[in-house]
């Protein structure tokens, strides 16, 4: 039986590594194996900023991958946590009845949803601000090159 609370916490805490996908769909899940890729690329982008400074163009492309991955897996935690008991059990526990306790919502589920909403929204907004700032800085620099 797949527990809704466990899936919400795994999506929030281990989502960028695909842990929630492995829990719900098994070790052979392709998306679960792909999720660590943008996470690791984003971490590599952070390492490049620390090594080469904020003017490193490659890091401008890599860092948002981490932010968008965290935001997307936080959204999955919210979706899992807010799904109804009947819907959860029909999708992930088809052999159990619609009222099985694995699909129940409790305070730990609500905690995962609240934290995922706070952290996911913060990561999404920070990623958008970072991306737009560097995009417009790049546009200004290209405009200066053209005008000279």
Protein backbone atom coordinates (compact mmCIF):
# COMPACT_ATOMS: atom_id res chain seq x y z
CA UNK A 1 0.00 0.00 0.00
CA UNK A 2 1.30 3.42 -0.99
CA UNK A 3 0.89 5.97 1.77
CA UNK A 4 -0.12 9.49 0.71
CA UNK A 5 1.74 11.19 3.57
CA UNK A 6 4.96 9.32 2.82
CA UNK A 7 4.68 10.18 -0.88
CA UNK A 8 4.13 13.87 -0.11
CA UNK A 9 7.17 14.02 2.18
CA UNK A 10 9.32 12.09 -0.30
CA UNK A 11 8.28 14.46 -3.09
CA UNK A 12 9.12 17.46 -0.93
CA UNK A 13 12.39 16.26 0.61
CA UNK A 14 13.71 13.82 -1.98
CA UNK A 15 11.84 14.90 -5.08
CA UNK A 16 14.83 16.35 -6.92
CA UNK A 17 16.41 12.90 -6.64
CA UNK A 18 13.27 11.11 -7.81
CA UNK A 19 12.58 9.31 -4.52
CA UNK A 20 8.81 9.86 -4.69
CA UNK A 21 8.70 8.37 -8.20
CA UNK A 22 10.58 5.28 -7.08
CA UNK A 23 8.26 4.91 -4.09
CA UNK A 24 5.09 5.20 -6.18
CA UNK A 25 6.09 3.61 -9.49
CA UNK A 26 9.00 1.32 -8.65
CA UNK A 27 12.71 1.33 -9.34
CA UNK A 28 12.20 1.05 -13.11
CA UNK A 29 10.50 4.45 -13.43
CA UNK A 30 12.22 6.44 -16.19
CA UNK A 31 11.23 9.87 -14.88
CA UNK A 32 12.60 8.92 -11.49
CA UNK A 33 15.96 8.18 -13.08
CA UNK A 34 15.91 11.44 -15.08
CA UNK A 35 15.09 13.76 -12.15
CA UNK A 36 18.62 13.74 -10.65
CA UNK A 37 20.08 15.03 -13.94
CA UNK A 38 18.76 18.64 -13.76
CA UNK A 39 19.41 18.60 -10.02
CA UNK A 40 23.06 17.70 -10.47
CA UNK A 41 23.47 20.14 -13.37
CA UNK A 42 22.04 22.93 -11.19
CA UNK A 43 24.41 22.05 -8.36
CA UNK A 44 27.27 22.09 -10.88
CA UNK A 45 26.10 25.57 -11.95
CA UNK A 46 26.29 26.75 -8.33
CA UNK A 47 29.81 25.33 -8.08
CA UNK A 48 30.76 27.21 -11.28
CA UNK A 49 29.49 30.48 -9.80
CA UNK A 50 31.59 29.91 -6.72
CA UNK A 51 34.64 29.10 -8.84
CA UNK A 52 34.34 31.59 -11.73
CA UNK A 53 32.07 34.30 -10.33
CA UNK A 54 28.64 35.55 -11.34
CA UNK A 55 29.70 36.42 -14.88
CA UNK A 56 29.96 32.76 -15.90
CA UNK A 57 27.44 32.34 -18.72
CA UNK A 58 27.14 28.56 -18.39
CA UNK A 59 26.05 28.86 -14.78
CA UNK A 60 23.23 31.18 -15.89
CA UNK A 61 21.78 28.26 -17.81
CA UNK A 62 22.47 25.56 -15.22
CA UNK A 63 21.32 27.10 -11.94
CA UNK A 64 17.66 27.56 -13.00
CA UNK A 65 17.45 23.81 -13.66
CA UNK A 66 17.84 23.19 -9.94
CA UNK A 67 15.27 25.82 -8.99
CA UNK A 68 12.67 24.59 -11.46
CA UNK A 69 13.22 20.98 -10.35
CA UNK A 70 12.71 21.88 -6.70
CA UNK A 71 9.60 23.90 -7.58
CA UNK A 72 8.15 21.08 -9.71
CA UNK A 73 8.69 18.40 -7.08
CA UNK A 74 7.24 20.71 -4.43
CA UNK A 75 4.18 21.02 -6.65
CA UNK A 76 3.99 17.23 -6.79
CA UNK A 77 4.07 17.11 -2.98
CA UNK A 78 1.15 19.56 -2.91
CA UNK A 79 -0.81 17.54 -5.49
CA UNK A 80 -0.21 14.30 -3.59
CA UNK A 81 -1.12 15.86 -0.25
CA UNK A 82 -4.33 17.46 -1.50
CA UNK A 83 -5.65 14.49 -3.45
CA UNK A 84 -8.75 12.90 -2.02
CA UNK A 85 -8.63 9.54 -0.28
CA UNK A 86 -10.75 7.90 -2.96
CA UNK A 87 -8.68 9.27 -5.82
CA UNK A 88 -5.39 8.32 -4.13
CA UNK A 89 -6.47 4.77 -3.40
CA UNK A 90 -7.95 4.30 -6.86
CA UNK A 91 -4.66 5.34 -8.47
CA UNK A 92 -1.98 3.94 -6.18
CA UNK A 93 -3.81 1.29 -4.14
CA UNK A 94 -6.27 -0.27 -6.60
CA UNK A 95 -6.50 -3.54 -4.65
CA UNK A 96 -7.55 -1.75 -1.47
CA UNK A 97 -10.94 -0.18 -0.95
CA UNK A 98 -11.64 3.47 -1.66
CA UNK A 99 -11.63 4.22 2.06
CA UNK A 100 -8.26 2.56 2.84
CA UNK A 101 -6.24 4.39 5.47
CA UNK A 102 -3.18 4.74 3.18
CA UNK A 103 -4.93 7.58 1.34
CA UNK A 104 -5.93 9.43 4.49
CA UNK A 105 -4.90 13.02 5.17
CA UNK A 106 -3.47 13.87 8.58
CA UNK A 107 -1.48 16.70 10.13
CA UNK A 108 1.81 15.32 8.79
CA UNK A 109 0.36 15.44 5.28
CA UNK A 110 -0.75 19.04 5.81
CA UNK A 111 2.74 19.88 7.13
CA UNK A 112 4.30 18.53 3.94
CA UNK A 113 1.86 20.55 1.83
CA UNK A 114 2.50 23.78 3.75
CA UNK A 115 6.29 23.42 3.64
CA UNK A 116 6.22 22.44 -0.03
CA UNK A 117 4.11 25.50 -0.79
CA UNK A 118 6.49 27.82 1.06
CA UNK A 119 9.77 26.38 -0.23
CA UNK A 120 8.52 25.61 -3.74
CA UNK A 121 7.11 29.09 -4.23
CA UNK A 122 10.29 30.67 -2.89
CA UNK A 123 12.47 28.58 -5.21
CA UNK A 124 10.27 29.33 -8.20
CA UNK A 125 10.27 33.07 -7.59
CA UNK A 126 14.02 33.16 -6.93
CA UNK A 127 14.70 31.13 -10.07
CA UNK A 128 12.54 33.41 -12.20
CA UNK A 129 14.18 36.53 -10.77
CA UNK A 130 17.66 35.08 -11.32
CA UNK A 131 16.88 34.00 -14.87
CA UNK A 132 15.27 37.27 -15.92
CA UNK A 133 18.03 39.35 -14.35
CA UNK A 134 20.77 37.51 -16.19
CA UNK A 135 18.81 37.46 -19.43
CA UNK A 136 18.34 41.23 -19.38
CA UNK A 137 21.96 41.81 -18.38
CA UNK A 138 23.00 39.71 -21.36
CA UNK A 139 20.67 41.70 -23.64
CA UNK A 140 22.16 44.98 -22.45
CA UNK A 141 25.69 43.68 -23.01
CA UNK A 142 24.81 42.51 -26.53
CA UNK A 143 23.24 45.90 -27.26
CA UNK A 144 26.44 47.63 -26.15
CA UNK A 145 28.48 45.40 -28.46
CA UNK A 146 26.24 46.26 -31.41
CA UNK A 147 26.32 49.99 -30.72
CA UNK A 148 30.13 50.16 -30.65
